[in-house]
PDB file of N, CA and C in Angstrom:
ATOM      1  N   UNK A   1      58.192 146.811-136.268  1.00  0.00           N
ATOM      2  CA  UNK A   1      58.558 145.589-136.956  1.00  0.00           C
ATOM      3  C   UNK A   1      58.084 145.597-138.408  1.00  0.00           C
ATOM      4  N   UNK A   2      56.870 146.096-138.632  1.00  0.00           N
ATOM      5  CA  UNK A   2      56.336 146.110-139.997  1.00  0.00           C
ATOM      6  C   UNK A   2      57.214 146.981-140.892  1.00  0.00           C
ATOM      7  N   UNK A   3      57.606 148.150-140.394  1.00  0.00           N
ATOM      8  CA  UNK A   3      58.455 149.020-141.204  1.00  0.00           C
ATOM      9  C   UNK A   3      59.785 148.357-141.528  1.00  0.00           C
ATOM     10  N   UNK A   4      60.343 147.641-140.581  1.00  0.00           N
ATOM     11  CA  UNK A   4      61.601 146.932-140.828  1.00  0.00           C
ATOM     12  C   UNK A   4      61.415 145.846-141.887  1.00  0.00           C
ATOM     13  N   UNK A   5      60.317 145.116-141.818  1.00  0.00           N
ATOM     14  CA  UNK A   5      60.036 144.067-142.803  1.00  0.00           C
ATOM     15  C   UNK A   5      59.873 144.674-144.201  1.00  0.00           C
ATOM     16  N   UNK A   6      59.128 145.769-144.299  1.00  0.00           N
ATOM     17  CA  UNK A   6      58.942 146.428-145.592  1.00  0.00           C
ATOM     18  C   UNK A   6      60.265 146.951-146.146  1.00  0.00           C
ATOM     19  N   UNK A   7      61.062 147.530-145.275  1.00  0.00           N
ATOM     20  CA  UNK A   7      62.363 148.064-145.696  1.00  0.00           C
ATOM     21  C   UNK A   7      63.272 146.945-146.201  1.00  0.00           C
ATOM     22  N   UNK A   8      63.314 145.837-145.475  1.00  0.00           N
ATOM     23  CA  UNK A   8      64.171 144.722-145.886  1.00  0.00           C
ATOM     24  C   UNK A   8      63.692 144.097-147.198  1.00  0.00           C
ATOM     25  N   UNK A   9      62.390 143.978-147.370  1.00  0.00           N
ATOM     26  CA  UNK A   9      61.850 143.467-148.650  1.00  0.00           C
ATOM     27  C   UNK A   9      62.222 144.403-149.792  1.00  0.00           C
ATOM     28  N   UNK A  10      62.069 145.703-149.567  1.00  0.00           N
ATOM     29  CA  UNK A  10      62.409 146.684-150.604  1.00  0.00           C
ATOM     30  C   UNK A  10      63.884 146.603-150.976  1.00  0.00           C
ATOM     31  N   UNK A  11      64.751 146.412-149.999  1.00  0.00           N
ATOM     32  CA  UNK A  11      66.186 146.291-150.280  1.00  0.00           C
ATOM     33  C   UNK A  11      66.489 145.063-151.135  1.00  0.00           C
ATOM     34  N   UNK A  12      65.835 143.954-150.834  1.00  0.00           N
ATOM     35  CA  UNK A  12      66.037 142.737-151.628  1.00  0.00           C
ATOM     36  C   UNK A  12      65.552 142.966-153.060  1.00  0.00           C
ATOM     37  N   UNK A  13      64.387 143.569-153.199  1.00  0.00           N
ATOM     38  CA  UNK A  13      63.853 143.831-154.540  1.00  0.00           C
ATOM     39  C   UNK A  13      64.810 144.717-155.326  1.00  0.00           C
ATOM     40  N   UNK A  14      65.264 145.814-154.719  1.00  0.00           N
ATOM     41  CA  UNK A  14      66.175 146.733-155.414  1.00  0.00           C
ATOM     42  C   UNK A  14      67.481 146.056-155.802  1.00  0.00           C
ATOM     43  N   UNK A  15      67.941 145.136-154.979  1.00  0.00           N
ATOM     44  CA  UNK A  15      69.187 144.415-155.249  1.00  0.00           C
ATOM     45  C   UNK A  15      69.050 143.491-156.464  1.00  0.00           C
ATOM     46  N   UNK A  16      67.842 142.989-156.720  1.00  0.00           N
ATOM     47  CA  UNK A  16      67.663 141.962-157.748  1.00  0.00           C
ATOM     48  C   UNK A  16      67.063 142.447-159.057  1.00  0.00           C
ATOM     49  N   UNK A  17      66.617 143.686-159.133  1.00  0.00           N
ATOM     50  CA  UNK A  17      66.019 144.120-160.395  1.00  0.00           C
ATOM     51  C   UNK A  17      67.061 144.778-161.297  1.00  0.00           C
ATOM     52  N   UNK A  18      66.739 144.798-162.578  1.00  0.00           N
ATOM     53  CA  UNK A  18      67.620 145.401-163.570  1.00  0.00           C
ATOM     54  C   UNK A  18      67.388 146.917-163.601  1.00  0.00           C
ATOM     55  N   UNK A  19      68.266 147.639-164.262  1.00  0.00           N
ATOM     56  CA  UNK A  19      68.123 149.100-164.366  1.00  0.00           C
ATOM     57  C   UNK A  19      66.853 149.503-165.111  1.00  0.00           C
ATOM     58  N   UNK A  20      66.386 148.674-166.034  1.00  0.00           N
ATOM     59  CA  UNK A  20      65.182 149.009-166.805  1.00  0.00           C
ATOM     60  C   UNK A  20      63.897 148.656-166.066  1.00  0.00           C
ATOM     61  N   UNK A  21      63.992 147.888-164.990  1.00  0.00           N
ATOM     62  CA  UNK A  21      62.816 147.477-164.226  1.00  0.00           C
ATOM     63  C   UNK A  21      62.361 148.609-163.313  1.00  0.00           C
ATOM     64  N   UNK A  22      61.098 148.575-162.963  1.00  0.00           N
ATOM     65  CA  UNK A  22      60.522 149.577-162.067  1.00  0.00           C
ATOM     66  C   UNK A  22      59.831 148.843-160.929  1.00  0.00           C
ATOM     67  N   UNK A  23      60.193 149.196-159.699  1.00  0.00           N
ATOM     68  CA  UNK A  23      59.583 148.569-158.526  1.00  0.00           C
ATOM     69  C   UNK A  23      59.013 149.660-157.633  1.00  0.00           C
ATOM     70  N   UNK A  24      57.914 149.334-156.984  1.00  0.00           N
ATOM     71  CA  UNK A  24      57.330 150.287-156.055  1.00  0.00           C
ATOM     72  C   UNK A  24      56.370 149.604-155.108  1.00  0.00           C
ATOM     73  N   UNK A  25      56.101 150.276-154.030  1.00  0.00           N
ATOM     74  CA  UNK A  25      55.133 149.789-153.053  1.00  0.00           C
ATOM     75  C   UNK A  25      53.777 150.345-153.427  1.00  0.00           C
ATOM     76  N   UNK A  26      52.821 149.455-153.614  1.00  0.00           N
ATOM     77  CA  UNK A  26      51.470 149.866-153.989  1.00  0.00           C
ATOM     78  C   UNK A  26      50.743 150.400-152.761  1.00  0.00           C
ATOM     79  N   UNK A  27      50.916 149.746-151.655  1.00  0.00           N
ATOM     80  CA  UNK A  27      50.279 150.142-150.408  1.00  0.00           C
ATOM     81  C   UNK A  27      50.277 148.962-149.470  1.00  0.00           C
ATOM     82  N   UNK A  28      50.166 149.244-148.197  1.00  0.00           N
ATOM     83  CA  UNK A  28      50.176 148.150-147.230  1.00  0.00           C
ATOM     84  C   UNK A  28      51.422 147.321-147.393  1.00  0.00           C
ATOM     85  N   UNK A  29      51.231 146.056-147.671  1.00  0.00           N
ATOM     86  CA  UNK A  29      52.353 145.124-147.838  1.00  0.00           C
ATOM     87  C   UNK A  29      52.479 144.666-149.282  1.00  0.00           C
ATOM     88  N   UNK A  30      51.940 145.450-150.207  1.00  0.00           N
ATOM     89  CA  UNK A  30      51.952 145.057-151.620  1.00  0.00           C
ATOM     90  C   UNK A  30      52.988 145.844-152.409  1.00  0.00           C
ATOM     91  N   UNK A  31      53.758 145.107-153.188  1.00  0.00           N
ATOM     92  CA  UNK A  31      54.735 145.697-154.086  1.00  0.00           C
ATOM     93  C   UNK A  31      54.378 145.307-155.518  1.00  0.00           C
ATOM     94  N   UNK A  32      54.816 146.109-156.460  1.00  0.00           N
ATOM     95  CA  UNK A  32      54.682 145.766-157.880  1.00  0.00           C
ATOM     96  C   UNK A  32      56.041 145.975-158.536  1.00  0.00           C
ATOM     97  N   UNK A  33      56.351 145.092-159.461  1.00  0.00           N
ATOM     98  CA  UNK A  33      57.605 145.209-160.210  1.00  0.00           C
ATOM     99  C   UNK A  33      57.259 145.061-161.690  1.00  0.00           C
ATOM    100  N   UNK A  34      57.631 146.043-162.472  1.00  0.00           N
ATOM    101  CA  UNK A  34      57.431 145.988-163.922  1.00  0.00           C
ATOM    102  C   UNK A  34      58.756 145.566-164.545  1.00  0.00           C
ATOM    103  N   UNK A  35      58.704 144.478-165.301  1.00  0.00           N
ATOM    104  CA  UNK A  35      59.897 143.921-165.946  1.00  0.00           C
ATOM    105  C   UNK A  35      59.724 144.032-167.461  1.00  0.00           C
ATOM    106  N   UNK A  36      60.083 145.160-168.044  1.00  0.00           N
ATOM    107  CA  UNK A  36      59.900 145.298-169.491  1.00  0.00           C
ATOM    108  C   UNK A  36      60.848 144.383-170.261  1.00  0.00           C
ATOM    109  N   UNK A  37      60.406 143.967-171.413  1.00  0.00           N
ATOM    110  CA  UNK A  37      61.223 143.176-172.334  1.00  0.00           C
ATOM    111  C   UNK A  37      61.810 141.937-171.659  1.00  0.00           C
ATOM    112  N   UNK A  38      60.944 141.137-171.065  1.00  0.00           N
ATOM    113  CA  UNK A  38      61.397 139.913-170.408  1.00  0.00           C
ATOM    114  C   UNK A  38      60.488 138.758-170.831  1.00  0.00           C
ATOM    115  N   UNK A  39      61.057 137.610-171.016  1.00  0.00           N
ATOM    116  CA  UNK A  39      60.282 136.420-171.327  1.00  0.00           C
ATOM    117  C   UNK A  39      59.641 135.871-170.060  1.00  0.00           C
ATOM    118  N   UNK A  40      58.522 135.205-170.207  1.00  0.00           N
ATOM    119  CA  UNK A  40      57.791 134.659-169.069  1.00  0.00           C
ATOM    120  C   UNK A  40      58.687 133.783-168.195  1.00  0.00           C
ATOM    121  N   UNK A  41      59.482 132.910-168.804  1.00  0.00           N
ATOM    122  CA  UNK A  41      60.313 132.009-168.010  1.00  0.00           C
ATOM    123  C   UNK A  41      61.303 132.768-167.128  1.00  0.00           C
ATOM    124  N   UNK A  42      61.814 133.905-167.607  1.00  0.00           N
ATOM    125  CA  UNK A  42      62.741 134.692-166.806  1.00  0.00           C
ATOM    126  C   UNK A  42      62.013 135.487-165.725  1.00  0.00           C
ATOM    127  N   UNK A  43      60.809 135.903-165.998  1.00  0.00           N
ATOM    128  CA  UNK A  43      59.995 136.571-164.976  1.00  0.00           C
ATOM    129  C   UNK A  43      59.706 135.609-163.830  1.00  0.00           C
ATOM    130  N   UNK A  44      59.404 134.367-164.164  1.00  0.00           N
ATOM    131  CA  UNK A  44      59.151 133.349-163.135  1.00  0.00           C
ATOM    132  C   UNK A  44      60.418 133.101-162.318  1.00  0.00           C
ATOM    133  N   UNK A  45      61.567 132.984-162.989  1.00  0.00           N
ATOM    134  CA  UNK A  45      62.830 132.772-162.275  1.00  0.00           C
ATOM    135  C   UNK A  45      63.154 133.954-161.368  1.00  0.00           C
ATOM    136  N   UNK A  46      62.891 135.149-161.839  1.00  0.00           N
ATOM    137  CA  UNK A  46      63.133 136.346-161.041  1.00  0.00           C
ATOM    138  C   UNK A  46      62.253 136.352-159.792  1.00  0.00           C
ATOM    139  N   UNK A  47      60.982 136.022-159.957  1.00  0.00           N
ATOM    140  CA  UNK A  47      60.061 135.961-158.819  1.00  0.00           C
ATOM    141  C   UNK A  47      60.509 134.896-157.825  1.00  0.00           C
ATOM    142  N   UNK A  48      60.956 133.772-158.318  1.00  0.00           N
ATOM    143  CA  UNK A  48      61.408 132.699-157.423  1.00  0.00           C
ATOM    144  C   UNK A  48      62.664 133.106-156.656  1.00  0.00           C
ATOM    145  N   UNK A  49      63.594 133.794-157.319  1.00  0.00           N
ATOM    146  CA  UNK A  49      64.793 134.283-156.623  1.00  0.00           C
ATOM    147  C   UNK A  49      64.412 135.248-155.500  1.00  0.00           C
ATOM    148  N   UNK A  50      63.494 136.165-155.803  1.00  0.00           N
ATOM    149  CA  UNK A  50      63.043 137.109-154.779  1.00  0.00           C
ATOM    150  C   UNK A  50      62.350 136.385-153.637  1.00  0.00           C
ATOM    151  N   UNK A  51      61.474 135.448-153.960  1.00  0.00           N
ATOM    152  CA  UNK A  51      60.750 134.702-152.926  1.00  0.00           C
ATOM    153  C   UNK A  51      61.725 133.965-152.014  1.00  0.00           C
ATOM    154  N   UNK A  52      62.729 133.330-152.596  1.00  0.00           N
ATOM    155  CA  UNK A  52      63.710 132.576-151.819  1.00  0.00           C
ATOM    156  C   UNK A  52      64.510 133.497-150.906  1.00  0.00           C
ATOM    157  N   UNK A  53      65.000 134.602-151.439  1.00  0.00           N
ATOM    158  CA  UNK A  53      65.818 135.494-150.614  1.00  0.00           C
ATOM    159  C   UNK A  53      64.978 136.158-149.520  1.00  0.00           C
ATOM    160  N   UNK A  54      63.757 136.551-149.835  1.00  0.00           N
ATOM    161  CA  UNK A  54      62.905 137.176-148.824  1.00  0.00           C
ATOM    162  C   UNK A  54      62.553 136.178-147.722  1.00  0.00           C
ATOM    163  N   UNK A  55      62.427 134.906-148.060  1.00  0.00           N
ATOM    164  CA  UNK A  55      62.113 133.901-147.032  1.00  0.00           C
ATOM    165  C   UNK A  55      63.263 133.719-146.040  1.00  0.00           C
ATOM    166  N   UNK A  56      64.449 134.198-146.381  1.00  0.00           N
ATOM    167  CA  UNK A  56      65.607 134.091-145.484  1.00  0.00           C
ATOM    168  C   UNK A  56      65.733 135.287-144.538  1.00  0.00           C
ATOM    169  N   UNK A  57      64.905 136.300-144.728  1.00  0.00           N
ATOM    170  CA  UNK A  57      64.935 137.472-143.857  1.00  0.00           C
ATOM    171  C   UNK A  57      64.378 137.092-142.483  1.00  0.00           C
ATOM    172  N   UNK A  58      65.030 137.555-141.459  1.00  0.00           N
ATOM    173  CA  UNK A  58      64.571 137.348-140.078  1.00  0.00           C
ATOM    174  C   UNK A  58      64.358 138.719-139.438  1.00  0.00           C
ATOM    175  N   UNK A  59      63.233 138.868-138.776  1.00  0.00           N
ATOM    176  CA  UNK A  59      62.915 140.096-138.053  1.00  0.00           C
ATOM    177  C   UNK A  59      62.833 139.732-136.577  1.00  0.00           C
ATOM    178  N   UNK A  60      63.624 140.405-135.754  1.00  0.00           N
ATOM    179  CA  UNK A  60      63.648 140.111-134.322  1.00  0.00           C
ATOM    180  C   UNK A  60      62.822 141.131-133.551  1.00  0.00           C
ATOM    181  N   UNK A  61      62.000 140.634-132.652  1.00  0.00           N
ATOM    182  CA  UNK A  61      61.292 141.491-131.703  1.00  0.00           C
ATOM    183  C   UNK A  61      61.804 141.157-130.314  1.00  0.00           C
ATOM    184  N   UNK A  62      61.198 141.728-129.314  1.00  0.00           N
ATOM    185  CA  UNK A  62      61.629 141.456-127.942  1.00  0.00           C
ATOM    186  C   UNK A  62      61.483 139.982-127.580  1.00  0.00           C
ATOM    187  N   UNK A  63      60.430 139.339-128.075  1.00  0.00           N
ATOM    188  CA  UNK A  63      60.138 137.960-127.676  1.00  0.00           C
ATOM    189  C   UNK A  63      60.259 136.934-128.791  1.00  0.00           C
ATOM    190  N   UNK A  64      60.179 137.379-130.041  1.00  0.00           N
ATOM    191  CA  UNK A  64      60.081 136.422-131.140  1.00  0.00           C
ATOM    192  C   UNK A  64      61.021 136.798-132.283  1.00  0.00           C
ATOM    193  N   UNK A  65      61.281 135.824-133.115  1.00  0.00           N
ATOM    194  CA  UNK A  65      61.942 136.046-134.391  1.00  0.00           C
ATOM    195  C   UNK A  65      60.968 135.635-135.476  1.00  0.00           C
ATOM    196  N   UNK A  66      60.734 136.520-136.428  1.00  0.00           N
ATOM    197  CA  UNK A  66      59.776 136.276-137.504  1.00  0.00           C
ATOM    198  C   UNK A  66      60.500 136.046-138.822  1.00  0.00           C
ATOM    199  N   UNK A  67      59.967 135.146-139.613  1.00  0.00           N
ATOM    200  CA  UNK A  67      60.417 134.947-140.989  1.00  0.00           C
ATOM    201  C   UNK A  67      59.378 135.569-141.897  1.00  0.00           C
ATOM    202  N   UNK A  68      59.790 135.943-143.081  1.00  0.00           N
ATOM    203  CA  UNK A  68      58.880 136.561-144.038  1.00  0.00           C
ATOM    204  C   UNK A  68      58.568 135.599-145.177  1.00  0.00           C
ATOM    205  N   UNK A  69      57.403 135.753-145.739  1.00  0.00           N
ATOM    206  CA  UNK A  69      57.041 135.029-146.956  1.00  0.00           C
ATOM    207  C   UNK A  69      56.480 136.049-147.940  1.00  0.00           C
ATOM    208  N   UNK A  70      56.509 135.691-149.202  1.00  0.00           N
ATOM    209  CA  UNK A  70      55.973 136.574-150.231  1.00  0.00           C
ATOM    210  C   UNK A  70      55.368 135.708-151.319  1.00  0.00           C
ATOM    211  N   UNK A  71      54.262 136.152-151.844  1.00  0.00           N
ATOM    212  CA  UNK A  71      53.660 135.455-152.981  1.00  0.00           C
ATOM    213  C   UNK A  71      53.692 136.384-154.187  1.00  0.00           C
ATOM    214  N   UNK A  72      53.679 135.804-155.368  1.00  0.00           N
ATOM    215  CA  UNK A  72      53.815 136.573-156.598  1.00  0.00           C
ATOM    216  C   UNK A  72      52.730 136.195-157.589  1.00  0.00           C
ATOM    217  N   UNK A  73      52.332 137.145-158.378  1.00  0.00           N
ATOM    218  CA  UNK A  73      51.500 136.915-159.544  1.00  0.00           C
ATOM    219  C   UNK A  73      52.226 137.533-160.726  1.00  0.00           C
ATOM    220  N   UNK A  74      52.123 136.919-161.878  1.00  0.00           N
ATOM    221  CA  UNK A  74      52.826 137.414-163.061  1.00  0.00           C
ATOM    222  C   UNK A  74      51.810 137.608-164.175  1.00  0.00           C
ATOM    223  N   UNK A  75      51.905 138.742-164.825  1.00  0.00           N
ATOM    224  CA  UNK A  75      51.054 139.049-165.967  1.00  0.00           C
ATOM    225  C   UNK A  75      51.952 139.504-167.109  1.00  0.00           C
ATOM    226  N   UNK A  76      51.670 139.026-168.298  1.00  0.00           N
ATOM    227  CA  UNK A  76      52.457 139.377-169.479  1.00  0.00           C
ATOM    228  C   UNK A  76      51.598 140.242-170.401  1.00  0.00           C
ATOM    229  N   UNK A  77      52.210 141.295-170.918  1.00  0.00           N
ATOM    230  CA  UNK A  77      51.522 142.166-171.864  1.00  0.00           C
ATOM    231  C   UNK A  77      52.340 142.214-173.146  1.00  0.00           C
ATOM    232  N   UNK A  78      51.677 142.068-174.266  1.00  0.00           N
ATOM    233  CA  UNK A  78      52.341 142.186-175.562  1.00  0.00           C
ATOM    234  C   UNK A  78      52.388 143.659-175.923  1.00  0.00           C
ATOM    235  N   UNK A  79      53.579 144.208-175.999  1.00  0.00           N
ATOM    236  CA  UNK A  79      53.727 145.647-176.259  1.00  0.00           C
ATOM    237  C   UNK A  79      53.234 146.046-177.649  1.00  0.00           C
ATOM    238  N   UNK A  80      52.954 145.070-178.518  1.00  0.00           N
ATOM    239  CA  UNK A  80      52.448 145.377-179.853  1.00  0.00           C
ATOM    240  C   UNK A  80      50.940 145.492-179.903  1.00  0.00           C
ATOM    241  N   UNK A  81      50.246 145.248-178.789  1.00  0.00           N
ATOM    242  CA  UNK A  81      48.791 145.361-178.752  1.00  0.00           C
ATOM    243  C   UNK A  81      48.364 146.767-179.170  1.00  0.00           C
ATOM    244  N   UNK A  82      47.452 146.846-180.093  1.00  0.00           N
ATOM    245  CA  UNK A  82      46.888 148.108-180.499  1.00  0.00           C
ATOM    246  C   UNK A  82      47.696 148.868-181.540  1.00  0.00           C
ATOM    247  N   UNK A  83      48.864 148.345-181.918  1.00  0.00           N
ATOM    248  CA  UNK A  83      49.654 149.015-182.946  1.00  0.00           C
ATOM    249  C   UNK A  83      49.240 148.540-184.326  1.00  0.00           C
ATOM    250  N   UNK A  84      49.400 149.394-185.290  1.00  0.00           N
ATOM    251  CA  UNK A  84      49.077 149.038-186.677  1.00  0.00           C
ATOM    252  C   UNK A  84      50.218 148.322-187.328  1.00  0.00           C
TER     253      UNK A  84
END
């Protein structure tokens, strides 16, 4: 079940990121997505779209059906840091 959940989350992420974005699994159940050249407001909207779509995923086992949730943190870096 865990592998199916990870696979389905990865598919949703790949479906929603741009060609310039980079997504990967850090380990366990953690993913990271790098969104270069994006404004904070669009990063927040992107995270919310992913959260909403992932919450609609259903994983079926023999006895139960599970829904998924995901939480996000966003960090912004100024690419001009350290340049002259």
